[in-house]
Amino acid sequence: MVKIGTRALISKNGRPMLATHWDGYPSSLGMELLHCDKTMTDVIKVAKRHTIDAAHRSIHEDLNRQRVKKLAKNTV
């Protein structure tokens, strides 16, 4: 499987919320977003499958906390 590094910016009400990396094509990330519930929780869940590069400060801390927890769990 080949993944193409196509960055994508996900906005809510015109405000950038998440920037993803890897396969931001409409047929991949776009299609998944189209079929999710559109809640911020579901949008984040979809974006995580495409590697989140950056996030709005309102969700950044929580994403970092989750990532650190996952990394700590993987190193034990």
C-alpha atoms as a PDB file:
ATOM      1  CA  MET A   1       0.000   0.000   0.000  1.00  0.00           C
ATOM      2  CA  VAL A   2       1.324   3.427  -0.922  1.00  0.00           C
ATOM      3  CA  LYS A   3       0.198   6.504   0.961  1.00  0.00           C
ATOM      4  CA  ILE A   4       0.716   9.893  -0.579  1.00  0.00           C
ATOM      5  CA  GLY A   5       1.634  12.807   1.685  1.00  0.00           C
ATOM      6  CA  THR A   6      -1.247  15.115   0.922  1.00  0.00           C
ATOM      7  CA  ARG A   7      -1.862  17.506   3.771  1.00  0.00           C
ATOM      8  CA  ALA A   8      -5.377  18.524   4.738  1.00  0.00           C
ATOM      9  CA  LEU A   9      -6.831  21.267   6.900  1.00  0.00           C
ATOM     10  CA  ILE A  10     -10.070  20.520   8.754  1.00  0.00           C
ATOM     11  CA  SER A  11     -12.089  23.599   9.724  1.00  0.00           C
ATOM     12  CA  LYS A  12     -15.181  24.112  11.857  1.00  0.00           C
ATOM     13  CA  ASN A  13     -17.306  27.212  11.266  1.00  0.00           C
ATOM     14  CA  GLY A  14     -14.497  28.651   9.163  1.00  0.00           C
ATOM     15  CA  ARG A  15     -11.882  28.196  11.929  1.00  0.00           C
ATOM     16  CA  PRO A  16      -8.993  25.777  11.322  1.00  0.00           C
ATOM     17  CA  MET A  17      -9.180  22.964  13.892  1.00  0.00           C
ATOM     18  CA  LEU A  18      -6.885  20.172  12.681  1.00  0.00           C
ATOM     19  CA  ALA A  19      -4.123  19.720  10.156  1.00  0.00           C
ATOM     20  CA  THR A  20      -3.461  16.180   8.999  1.00  0.00           C
ATOM     21  CA  HIS A  21      -0.739  14.487   7.060  1.00  0.00           C
ATOM     22  CA  TRP A  22      -0.918  11.475   4.782  1.00  0.00           C
ATOM     23  CA  ASP A  23      -3.656  11.025   2.281  1.00  0.00           C
ATOM     24  CA  GLY A  24      -5.807  14.104   2.593  1.00  0.00           C
ATOM     25  CA  TYR A  25      -7.422  13.274  -0.731  1.00  0.00           C
ATOM     26  CA  PRO A  26     -11.216  13.689  -0.849  1.00  0.00           C
ATOM     27  CA  SER A  27     -11.530   9.981  -1.662  1.00  0.00           C
ATOM     28  CA  SER A  28      -9.840   9.084   1.630  1.00  0.00           C
ATOM     29  CA  LEU A  29      -9.959  11.576   4.513  1.00  0.00           C
ATOM     30  CA  GLY A  30     -12.723  13.572   2.851  1.00  0.00           C
ATOM     31  CA  MET A  31     -14.902  10.508   2.361  1.00  0.00           C
ATOM     32  CA  GLU A  32     -14.386   9.396   5.962  1.00  0.00           C
ATOM     33  CA  LEU A  33     -15.327  12.860   7.232  1.00  0.00           C
ATOM     34  CA  LEU A  34     -18.380  12.909   5.010  1.00  0.00           C
ATOM     35  CA  HIS A  35     -19.624   9.693   6.600  1.00  0.00           C
ATOM     36  CA  CYS A  36     -18.840  10.469  10.251  1.00  0.00           C
ATOM     37  CA  ASP A  37     -21.259  12.082  12.735  1.00  0.00           C
ATOM     38  CA  LYS A  38     -19.605  15.532  12.327  1.00  0.00           C
ATOM     39  CA  THR A  39     -19.154  15.894  16.096  1.00  0.00           C
ATOM     40  CA  MET A  40     -15.701  17.130  17.049  1.00  0.00           C
ATOM     41  CA  THR A  41     -15.081  13.789  18.777  1.00  0.00           C
ATOM     42  CA  ASP A  42     -15.791  11.838  15.589  1.00  0.00           C
ATOM     43  CA  VAL A  43     -13.848  14.277  13.403  1.00  0.00           C
ATOM     44  CA  ILE A  44     -10.826  13.868  15.691  1.00  0.00           C
ATOM     45  CA  LYS A  45     -11.231  10.079  15.589  1.00  0.00           C
ATOM     46  CA  VAL A  46     -11.162  10.162  11.781  1.00  0.00           C
ATOM     47  CA  ALA A  47      -8.232  12.608  11.694  1.00  0.00           C
ATOM     48  CA  LYS A  48      -6.174  10.408  14.021  1.00  0.00           C
ATOM     49  CA  ARG A  49      -6.201   7.711  11.355  1.00  0.00           C
ATOM     50  CA  HIS A  50      -4.449  10.207   9.069  1.00  0.00           C
ATOM     51  CA  THR A  51      -1.780  11.520  11.480  1.00  0.00           C
ATOM     52  CA  ILE A  52      -2.615  14.845  13.099  1.00  0.00           C
ATOM     53  CA  ASP A  53       0.182  17.384  12.571  1.00  0.00           C
ATOM     54  CA  ALA A  54      -1.393  20.349  14.321  1.00  0.00           C
ATOM     55  CA  ALA A  55      -4.523  21.174  16.283  1.00  0.00           C
ATOM     56  CA  HIS A  56      -6.419  24.197  17.543  1.00  0.00           C
ATOM     57  CA  ARG A  57      -5.423  25.119  21.089  1.00  0.00           C
ATOM     58  CA  SER A  58      -8.884  24.135  22.369  1.00  0.00           C
ATOM     59  CA  ILE A  59      -8.159  20.453  21.601  1.00  0.00           C
ATOM     60  CA  HIS A  60      -4.351  20.393  21.433  1.00  0.00           C
ATOM     61  CA  GLU A  61      -3.732  19.617  25.129  1.00  0.00           C
ATOM     62  CA  ASP A  62      -6.132  16.691  25.171  1.00  0.00           C
ATOM     63  CA  LEU A  63      -4.603  15.216  22.010  1.00  0.00           C
ATOM     64  CA  ASN A  64      -1.107  15.544  23.485  1.00  0.00           C
ATOM     65  CA  ARG A  65      -2.247  13.919  26.734  1.00  0.00           C
ATOM     66  CA  GLN A  66      -3.722  10.990  24.803  1.00  0.00           C
ATOM     67  CA  ARG A  67      -0.564  10.620  22.711  1.00  0.00           C
ATOM     68  CA  VAL A  68       1.762  10.654  25.743  1.00  0.00           C
ATOM     69  CA  LYS A  69      -0.443   8.083  27.480  1.00  0.00           C
ATOM     70  CA  LYS A  70      -0.314   5.836  24.406  1.00  0.00           C
ATOM     71  CA  LEU A  71       3.476   6.202  24.091  1.00  0.00           C
ATOM     72  CA  ALA A  72       3.978   5.434  27.794  1.00  0.00           C
ATOM     73  CA  LYS A  73       1.784   2.338  27.492  1.00  0.00           C
ATOM     74  CA  ASN A  74       3.753   1.131  24.461  1.00  0.00           C
ATOM     75  CA  THR A  75       7.120   1.445  26.236  1.00  0.00           C
ATOM     76  CA  VAL A  76       6.166  -0.574  29.308  1.00  0.00           C
END
